[in-house]
Amino acid sequence: PINVHLEHFPLDNSSAYEALSYVWGEPSETETISLDRQEIKVTLNLESALRHLRRGDSDKVLWIDAIYIDQNNNRERNPYGHRIG
């Protein structure tokens, strides 16, 4: 199973994480992962990316906009005021 944990990292330490940010595929096609011990639905593409990027022997630090940003909140998705349809 995919287990994700949220942590805060300073933005000025970009070497502390890798970023995943793109359109994650069909939003109705989902898979369940564990986020801080709670089940959440993510797209099949994101689940597959997490499965392929994970390490077996240590943690991997990622910034994933599809998880970190509330995708149902236009203001949070686009803080610069442009309308996203």
PDB file of N, CA and C in Angstrom:
ATOM      1  N   PRO A   1       0.824  -1.214   0.000  1.00  0.00           N
ATOM      2  CA  PRO A   1       0.000   0.000   0.000  1.00  0.00           C
ATOM      3  C   PRO A   1       0.858   1.266   0.000  1.00  0.00           C
ATOM      4  N   ILE A   2       0.318   2.337  -0.527  1.00  0.00           N
ATOM      5  CA  ILE A   2       1.006   3.628  -0.541  1.00  0.00           C
ATOM      6  C   ILE A   2       0.630   4.373   0.737  1.00  0.00           C
ATOM      7  N   ASN A   3       1.634   4.775   1.521  1.00  0.00           N
ATOM      8  CA  ASN A   3       1.432   5.525   2.753  1.00  0.00           C
ATOM      9  C   ASN A   3       2.138   6.860   2.639  1.00  0.00           C
ATOM     10  N   VAL A   4       1.374   7.952   2.793  1.00  0.00           N
ATOM     11  CA  VAL A   4       1.898   9.305   2.660  1.00  0.00           C
ATOM     12  C   VAL A   4       1.740  10.027   3.992  1.00  0.00           C
ATOM     13  N   HIS A   5       2.724  10.841   4.323  1.00  0.00           N
ATOM     14  CA  HIS A   5       2.694  11.631   5.553  1.00  0.00           C
ATOM     15  C   HIS A   5       3.000  13.075   5.192  1.00  0.00           C
ATOM     16  N   LEU A   6       2.181  14.007   5.669  1.00  0.00           N
ATOM     17  CA  LEU A   6       2.421  15.429   5.407  1.00  0.00           C
ATOM     18  C   LEU A   6       3.364  16.012   6.437  1.00  0.00           C
ATOM     19  N   GLU A   7       4.332  16.793   5.955  1.00  0.00           N
ATOM     20  CA  GLU A   7       5.249  17.522   6.818  1.00  0.00           C
ATOM     21  C   GLU A   7       5.495  18.891   6.214  1.00  0.00           C
ATOM     22  N   HIS A   8       5.892  19.841   7.028  1.00  0.00           N
ATOM     23  CA  HIS A   8       6.217  21.190   6.562  1.00  0.00           C
ATOM     24  C   HIS A   8       7.724  21.298   6.350  1.00  0.00           C
ATOM     25  N   PHE A   9       8.109  21.860   5.191  1.00  0.00           N
ATOM     26  CA  PHE A   9       9.508  22.108   4.866  1.00  0.00           C
ATOM     27  C   PHE A   9       9.627  23.554   4.422  1.00  0.00           C
ATOM     28  N   PRO A  10      10.720  24.233   4.765  1.00  0.00           N
ATOM     29  CA  PRO A  10      10.916  25.610   4.294  1.00  0.00           C
ATOM     30  C   PRO A  10      11.095  25.638   2.773  1.00  0.00           C
ATOM     31  N   LEU A  11      10.482  26.611   2.135  1.00  0.00           N
ATOM     32  CA  LEU A  11      10.583  26.727   0.680  1.00  0.00           C
ATOM     33  C   LEU A  11      11.993  27.035   0.213  1.00  0.00           C
ATOM     34  N   ASP A  12      12.804  27.638   1.069  1.00  0.00           N
ATOM     35  CA  ASP A  12      14.161  27.973   0.655  1.00  0.00           C
ATOM     36  C   ASP A  12      15.092  26.768   0.659  1.00  0.00           C
ATOM     37  N   ASN A  13      14.608  25.606   1.039  1.00  0.00           N
ATOM     38  CA  ASN A  13      15.411  24.387   1.040  1.00  0.00           C
ATOM     39  C   ASN A  13      14.880  23.439  -0.040  1.00  0.00           C
ATOM     40  N   SER A  14      14.988  23.859  -1.300  1.00  0.00           N
ATOM     41  CA  SER A  14      14.421  23.081  -2.398  1.00  0.00           C
ATOM     42  C   SER A  14      15.107  21.733  -2.595  1.00  0.00           C
ATOM     43  N   SER A  15      16.298  21.549  -2.061  1.00  0.00           N
ATOM     44  CA  SER A  15      16.953  20.253  -2.196  1.00  0.00           C
ATOM     45  C   SER A  15      16.352  19.220  -1.249  1.00  0.00           C
ATOM     46  N   ALA A  16      15.478  19.656  -0.347  1.00  0.00           N
ATOM     47  CA  ALA A  16      14.882  18.741   0.620  1.00  0.00           C
ATOM     48  C   ALA A  16      13.751  17.918   0.020  1.00  0.00           C
ATOM     49  N   TYR A  17      13.258  18.295  -1.161  1.00  0.00           N
ATOM     50  CA  TYR A  17      12.144  17.571  -1.756  1.00  0.00           C
ATOM     51  C   TYR A  17      12.198  17.619  -3.277  1.00  0.00           C
ATOM     52  N   GLU A  18      11.413  16.747  -3.891  1.00  0.00           N
ATOM     53  CA  GLU A  18      11.193  16.764  -5.327  1.00  0.00           C
ATOM     54  C   GLU A  18       9.718  17.104  -5.534  1.00  0.00           C
ATOM     55  N   ALA A  19       9.415  17.782  -6.628  1.00  0.00           N
ATOM     56  CA  ALA A  19       8.038  18.205  -6.891  1.00  0.00           C
ATOM     57  C   ALA A  19       7.411  17.364  -7.997  1.00  0.00           C
ATOM     58  N   LEU A  20       6.145  17.010  -7.776  1.00  0.00           N
ATOM     59  CA  LEU A  20       5.319  16.361  -8.795  1.00  0.00           C
ATOM     60  C   LEU A  20       4.147  17.280  -9.044  1.00  0.00           C
ATOM     61  N   SER A  21       4.041  17.783 -10.251  1.00  0.00           N
ATOM     62  CA  SER A  21       2.968  18.718 -10.551  1.00  0.00           C
ATOM     63  C   SER A  21       2.593  18.621 -12.018  1.00  0.00           C
ATOM     64  N   TYR A  22       1.419  18.096 -12.289  1.00  0.00           N
ATOM     65  CA  TYR A  22       0.887  18.071 -13.637  1.00  0.00           C
ATOM     66  C   TYR A  22      -0.560  17.619 -13.566  1.00  0.00           C
ATOM     67  N   VAL A  23      -1.226  17.549 -14.703  1.00  0.00           N
ATOM     68  CA  VAL A  23      -2.599  17.045 -14.732  1.00  0.00           C
ATOM     69  C   VAL A  23      -2.528  15.556 -14.456  1.00  0.00           C
ATOM     70  N   TRP A  24      -3.254  15.130 -13.444  1.00  0.00           N
ATOM     71  CA  TRP A  24      -3.111  13.762 -12.958  1.00  0.00           C
ATOM     72  C   TRP A  24      -4.058  12.764 -13.600  1.00  0.00           C
ATOM     73  N   GLY A  25      -4.646  13.086 -14.752  1.00  0.00           N
ATOM     74  CA  GLY A  25      -5.491  12.123 -15.433  1.00  0.00           C
ATOM     75  C   GLY A  25      -6.957  12.318 -15.114  1.00  0.00           C
ATOM     76  N   GLU A  26      -7.742  11.354 -15.513  1.00  0.00           N
ATOM     77  CA  GLU A  26      -9.192  11.385 -15.359  1.00  0.00           C
ATOM     78  C   GLU A  26      -9.548  11.385 -13.870  1.00  0.00           C
ATOM     79  N   PRO A  27     -10.190  12.460 -13.373  1.00  0.00           N
ATOM     80  CA  PRO A  27     -10.473  12.544 -11.937  1.00  0.00           C
ATOM     81  C   PRO A  27     -11.456  11.489 -11.434  1.00  0.00           C
ATOM     82  N   SER A  28     -12.232  10.878 -12.318  1.00  0.00           N
ATOM     83  CA  SER A  28     -13.193   9.871 -11.861  1.00  0.00           C
ATOM     84  C   SER A  28     -12.559   8.494 -11.708  1.00  0.00           C
ATOM     85  N   GLU A  29     -11.366   8.299 -12.244  1.00  0.00           N
ATOM     86  CA  GLU A  29     -10.664   7.024 -12.116  1.00  0.00           C
ATOM     87  C   GLU A  29      -9.667   7.136 -10.976  1.00  0.00           C
ATOM     88  N   THR A  30     -10.016   6.555  -9.830  1.00  0.00           N
ATOM     89  CA  THR A  30      -9.217   6.771  -8.622  1.00  0.00           C
ATOM     90  C   THR A  30      -8.745   5.465  -7.999  1.00  0.00           C
ATOM     91  N   GLU A  31      -7.789   5.641  -7.119  1.00  0.00           N
ATOM     92  CA  GLU A  31      -7.247   4.568  -6.300  1.00  0.00           C
ATOM     93  C   GLU A  31      -7.108   5.129  -4.891  1.00  0.00           C
ATOM     94  N   THR A  32      -7.134   4.287  -3.898  1.00  0.00           N
ATOM     95  CA  THR A  32      -7.043   4.718  -2.506  1.00  0.00           C
ATOM     96  C   THR A  32      -5.598   4.609  -2.022  1.00  0.00           C
ATOM     97  N   ILE A  33      -5.143   5.681  -1.337  1.00  0.00           N
ATOM     98  CA  ILE A  33      -3.856   5.650  -0.651  1.00  0.00           C
ATOM     99  C   ILE A  33      -4.096   6.080   0.795  1.00  0.00           C
ATOM    100  N   SER A  34      -3.100   5.909   1.630  1.00  0.00           N
ATOM    101  CA  SER A  34      -3.189   6.328   3.027  1.00  0.00           C
ATOM    102  C   SER A  34      -2.434   7.642   3.201  1.00  0.00           C
ATOM    103  N   LEU A  35      -3.125   8.657   3.711  1.00  0.00           N
ATOM    104  CA  LEU A  35      -2.530   9.963   3.999  1.00  0.00           C
ATOM    105  C   LEU A  35      -2.677  10.218   5.487  1.00  0.00           C
ATOM    106  N   ASP A  36      -1.566  10.180   6.205  1.00  0.00           N
ATOM    107  CA  ASP A  36      -1.594  10.335   7.666  1.00  0.00           C
ATOM    108  C   ASP A  36      -2.627   9.408   8.297  1.00  0.00           C
ATOM    109  N   ARG A  37      -2.605   8.157   7.848  1.00  0.00           N
ATOM    110  CA  ARG A  37      -3.465   7.073   8.371  1.00  0.00           C
ATOM    111  C   ARG A  37      -4.941   7.227   8.019  1.00  0.00           C
ATOM    112  N   GLN A  38      -5.258   8.095   7.078  1.00  0.00           N
ATOM    113  CA  GLN A  38      -6.635   8.231   6.592  1.00  0.00           C
ATOM    114  C   GLN A  38      -6.653   7.901   5.110  1.00  0.00           C
ATOM    115  N   GLU A  39      -7.655   7.167   4.685  1.00  0.00           N
ATOM    116  CA  GLU A  39      -7.750   6.824   3.273  1.00  0.00           C
ATOM    117  C   GLU A  39      -8.254   8.012   2.462  1.00  0.00           C
ATOM    118  N   ILE A  40      -7.575   8.290   1.350  1.00  0.00           N
ATOM    119  CA  ILE A  40      -8.013   9.325   0.422  1.00  0.00           C
ATOM    120  C   ILE A  40      -7.976   8.740  -0.982  1.00  0.00           C
ATOM    121  N   LYS A  41      -8.753   9.335  -1.865  1.00  0.00           N
ATOM    122  CA  LYS A  41      -8.777   8.923  -3.268  1.00  0.00           C
ATOM    123  C   LYS A  41      -7.853   9.840  -4.066  1.00  0.00           C
ATOM    124  N   VAL A  42      -7.030   9.248  -4.912  1.00  0.00           N
ATOM    125  CA  VAL A  42      -6.182   9.989  -5.840  1.00  0.00           C
ATOM    126  C   VAL A  42      -6.369   9.364  -7.215  1.00  0.00           C
ATOM    127  N   THR A  43      -5.985  10.072  -8.258  1.00  0.00           N
ATOM    128  CA  THR A  43      -6.125   9.517  -9.597  1.00  0.00           C
ATOM    129  C   THR A  43      -5.210   8.300  -9.761  1.00  0.00           C
ATOM    130  N   LEU A  44      -5.569   7.460 -10.711  1.00  0.00           N
ATOM    131  CA  LEU A  44      -4.747   6.288 -11.004  1.00  0.00           C
ATOM    132  C   LEU A  44      -3.327   6.689 -11.391  1.00  0.00           C
ATOM    133  N   ASN A  45      -3.187   7.804 -12.126  1.00  0.00           N
ATOM    134  CA  ASN A  45      -1.855   8.261 -12.536  1.00  0.00           C
ATOM    135  C   ASN A  45      -0.991   8.638 -11.347  1.00  0.00           C
ATOM    136  N   LEU A  46      -1.565   9.343 -10.365  1.00  0.00           N
ATOM    137  CA  LEU A  46      -0.784   9.724  -9.188  1.00  0.00           C
ATOM    138  C   LEU A  46      -0.408   8.502  -8.374  1.00  0.00           C
ATOM    139  N   GLU A  47      -1.335   7.588  -8.190  1.00  0.00           N
ATOM    140  CA  GLU A  47      -1.033   6.371  -7.430  1.00  0.00           C
ATOM    141  C   GLU A  47       0.088   5.597  -8.100  1.00  0.00           C
ATOM    142  N   SER A  48       0.041   5.512  -9.429  1.00  0.00           N
ATOM    143  CA  SER A  48       1.085   4.805 -10.173  1.00  0.00           C
ATOM    144  C   SER A  48       2.432   5.519 -10.030  1.00  0.00           C
ATOM    145  N   ALA A  49       2.436   6.850 -10.119  1.00  0.00           N
ATOM    146  CA  ALA A  49       3.683   7.610  -9.956  1.00  0.00           C
ATOM    147  C   ALA A  49       4.278   7.377  -8.569  1.00  0.00           C
ATOM    148  N   LEU A  50       3.442   7.414  -7.545  1.00  0.00           N
ATOM    149  CA  LEU A  50       3.931   7.185  -6.184  1.00  0.00           C
ATOM    150  C   LEU A  50       4.489   5.778  -6.034  1.00  0.00           C
ATOM    151  N   ARG A  51       3.825   4.825  -6.617  1.00  0.00           N
ATOM    152  CA  ARG A  51       4.284   3.432  -6.546  1.00  0.00           C
ATOM    153  C   ARG A  51       5.662   3.280  -7.209  1.00  0.00           C
ATOM    154  N   HIS A  52       5.861   3.941  -8.356  1.00  0.00           N
ATOM    155  CA  HIS A  52       7.123   3.812  -9.081  1.00  0.00           C
ATOM    156  C   HIS A  52       8.258   4.647  -8.477  1.00  0.00           C
ATOM    157  N   LEU A  53       7.930   5.720  -7.786  1.00  0.00           N
ATOM    158  CA  LEU A  53       8.959   6.598  -7.229  1.00  0.00           C
ATOM    159  C   LEU A  53       9.393   6.215  -5.821  1.00  0.00           C
ATOM    160  N   ARG A  54       8.619   5.406  -5.153  1.00  0.00           N
ATOM    161  CA  ARG A  54       8.968   5.111  -3.761  1.00  0.00           C
ATOM    162  C   ARG A  54      10.226   4.274  -3.663  1.00  0.00           C
ATOM    163  N   ARG A  55      10.879   4.427  -2.514  1.00  0.00           N
ATOM    164  CA  ARG A  55      12.094   3.691  -2.206  1.00  0.00           C
ATOM    165  C   ARG A  55      11.724   2.590  -1.220  1.00  0.00           C
ATOM    166  N   GLY A  56      12.395   1.475  -1.315  1.00  0.00           N
ATOM    167  CA  GLY A  56      12.123   0.391  -0.388  1.00  0.00           C
ATOM    168  C   GLY A  56      12.838   0.519   0.925  1.00  0.00           C
ATOM    169  N   ASP A  57      13.927   1.294   0.936  1.00  0.00           N
ATOM    170  CA  ASP A  57      14.774   1.320   2.121  1.00  0.00           C
ATOM    171  C   ASP A  57      14.777   2.641   2.880  1.00  0.00           C
ATOM    172  N   SER A  58      14.098   3.669   2.356  1.00  0.00           N
ATOM    173  CA  SER A  58      14.081   4.957   3.046  1.00  0.00           C
ATOM    174  C   SER A  58      12.897   5.789   2.571  1.00  0.00           C
ATOM    175  N   ASP A  59      12.647   6.885   3.287  1.00  0.00           N
ATOM    176  CA  ASP A  59      11.569   7.793   2.899  1.00  0.00           C
ATOM    177  C   ASP A  59      12.005   8.639   1.708  1.00  0.00           C
ATOM    178  N   LYS A  60      11.033   9.090   0.945  1.00  0.00           N
ATOM    179  CA  LYS A  60      11.275  10.003  -0.171  1.00  0.00           C
ATOM    180  C   LYS A  60      10.400  11.216   0.083  1.00  0.00           C
ATOM    181  N   VAL A  61      10.955  12.419  -0.022  1.00  0.00           N
ATOM    182  CA  VAL A  61      10.218  13.643   0.245  1.00  0.00           C
ATOM    183  C   VAL A  61       9.753  14.243  -1.082  1.00  0.00           C
ATOM    184  N   LEU A  62       8.429  14.375  -1.237  1.00  0.00           N
ATOM    185  CA  LEU A  62       7.830  14.915  -2.456  1.00  0.00           C
ATOM    186  C   LEU A  62       6.866  16.036  -2.111  1.00  0.00           C
ATOM    187  N   TRP A  63       6.762  17.011  -3.000  1.00  0.00           N
ATOM    188  CA  TRP A  63       5.706  18.026  -2.925  1.00  0.00           C
ATOM    189  C   TRP A  63       4.772  17.707  -4.077  1.00  0.00           C
ATOM    190  N   ILE A  64       3.517  17.375  -3.753  1.00  0.00           N
ATOM    191  CA  ILE A  64       2.555  16.943  -4.759  1.00  0.00           C
ATOM    192  C   ILE A  64       1.359  17.881  -4.710  1.00  0.00           C
ATOM    193  N   ASP A  65       1.219  18.706  -5.744  1.00  0.00           N
ATOM    194  CA  ASP A  65       0.143  19.694  -5.725  1.00  0.00           C
ATOM    195  C   ASP A  65      -1.235  19.051  -5.633  1.00  0.00           C
ATOM    196  N   ALA A  66      -1.423  17.884  -6.234  1.00  0.00           N
ATOM    197  CA  ALA A  66      -2.729  17.225  -6.206  1.00  0.00           C
ATOM    198  C   ALA A  66      -3.141  16.818  -4.791  1.00  0.00           C
ATOM    199  N   ILE A  67      -2.185  16.691  -3.883  1.00  0.00           N
ATOM    200  CA  ILE A  67      -2.486  16.360  -2.483  1.00  0.00           C
ATOM    201  C   ILE A  67      -2.427  17.607  -1.617  1.00  0.00           C
ATOM    202  N   TYR A  68      -1.390  18.410  -1.785  1.00  0.00           N
ATOM    203  CA  TYR A  68      -1.164  19.548  -0.900  1.00  0.00           C
ATOM    204  C   TYR A  68      -2.151  20.683  -1.114  1.00  0.00           C
ATOM    205  N   ILE A  69      -2.569  20.899  -2.366  1.00  0.00           N
ATOM    206  CA  ILE A  69      -3.493  21.985  -2.696  1.00  0.00           C
ATOM    207  C   ILE A  69      -4.907  21.423  -2.800  1.00  0.00           C
ATOM    208  N   ASP A  70      -5.854  22.064  -2.159  1.00  0.00           N
ATOM    209  CA  ASP A  70      -7.260  21.657  -2.242  1.00  0.00           C
ATOM    210  C   ASP A  70      -7.742  21.882  -3.668  1.00  0.00           C
ATOM    211  N   GLN A  71      -7.899  20.809  -4.421  1.00  0.00           N
ATOM    212  CA  GLN A  71      -8.253  20.897  -5.832  1.00  0.00           C
ATOM    213  C   GLN A  71      -9.685  21.363  -6.068  1.00  0.00           C
ATOM    214  N   ASN A  72     -10.511  21.400  -5.033  1.00  0.00           N
ATOM    215  CA  ASN A  72     -11.886  21.897  -5.145  1.00  0.00           C
ATOM    216  C   ASN A  72     -12.001  23.378  -4.801  1.00  0.00           C
ATOM    217  N   ASN A  73     -10.875  24.022  -4.463  1.00  0.00           N
ATOM    218  CA  ASN A  73     -10.874  25.416  -4.053  1.00  0.00           C
ATOM    219  C   ASN A  73     -10.114  26.236  -5.102  1.00  0.00           C
ATOM    220  N   ASN A  74     -10.864  26.962  -5.955  1.00  0.00           N
ATOM    221  CA  ASN A  74     -10.226  27.733  -7.031  1.00  0.00           C
ATOM    222  C   ASN A  74      -9.225  28.751  -6.506  1.00  0.00           C
ATOM    223  N   ARG A  75      -9.512  29.385  -5.393  1.00  0.00           N
ATOM    224  CA  ARG A  75      -8.595  30.379  -4.833  1.00  0.00           C
ATOM    225  C   ARG A  75      -7.274  29.731  -4.411  1.00  0.00           C
ATOM    226  N   GLU A  76      -7.354  28.555  -3.823  1.00  0.00           N
ATOM    227  CA  GLU A  76      -6.134  27.872  -3.403  1.00  0.00           C
ATOM    228  C   GLU A  76      -5.379  27.292  -4.605  1.00  0.00           C
ATOM    229  N   ARG A  77      -6.099  26.799  -5.593  1.00  0.00           N
ATOM    230  CA  ARG A  77      -5.467  26.255  -6.796  1.00  0.00           C
ATOM    231  C   ARG A  77      -4.772  27.339  -7.602  1.00  0.00           C
ATOM    232  N   ASN A  78      -5.308  28.557  -7.555  1.00  0.00           N
ATOM    233  CA  ASN A  78      -4.764  29.638  -8.361  1.00  0.00           C
ATOM    234  C   ASN A  78      -4.748  30.922  -7.534  1.00  0.00           C
ATOM    235  N   PRO A  79      -3.751  31.097  -6.686  1.00  0.00           N
ATOM    236  CA  PRO A  79      -3.731  32.221  -5.748  1.00  0.00           C
ATOM    237  C   PRO A  79      -3.542  33.585  -6.421  1.00  0.00           C
ATOM    238  N   TYR A  80      -3.272  33.632  -7.717  1.00  0.00           N
ATOM    239  CA  TYR A  80      -3.018  34.893  -8.399  1.00  0.00           C
ATOM    240  C   TYR A  80      -4.270  35.494  -8.990  1.00  0.00           C
ATOM    241  N   GLY A  81      -5.443  34.906  -8.734  1.00  0.00           N
ATOM    242  CA  GLY A  81      -6.701  35.505  -9.115  1.00  0.00           C
ATOM    243  C   GLY A  81      -7.211  35.161 -10.491  1.00  0.00           C
ATOM    244  N   HIS A  82      -6.549  34.275 -11.213  1.00  0.00           N
ATOM    245  CA  HIS A  82      -7.040  33.885 -12.532  1.00  0.00           C
ATOM    246  C   HIS A  82      -8.066  32.782 -12.347  1.00  0.00           C
ATOM    247  N   ARG A  83      -9.151  32.891 -13.054  1.00  0.00           N
ATOM    248  CA  ARG A  83     -10.212  31.894 -12.929  1.00  0.00           C
ATOM    249  C   ARG A  83      -9.807  30.617 -13.639  1.00  0.00           C
ATOM    250  N   ILE A  84      -9.970  29.492 -12.935  1.00  0.00           N
ATOM    251  CA  ILE A  84      -9.705  28.191 -13.513  1.00  0.00           C
ATOM    252  C   ILE A  84     -11.056  27.512 -13.700  1.00  0.00           C
ATOM    253  N   GLY A  85     -11.361  27.123 -14.910  1.00  0.00           N
ATOM    254  CA  GLY A  85     -12.673  26.545 -15.210  1.00  0.00           C
ATOM    255  C   GLY A  85     -12.777  25.091 -15.031  1.00  0.00           C
TER     256      GLY A  85
END
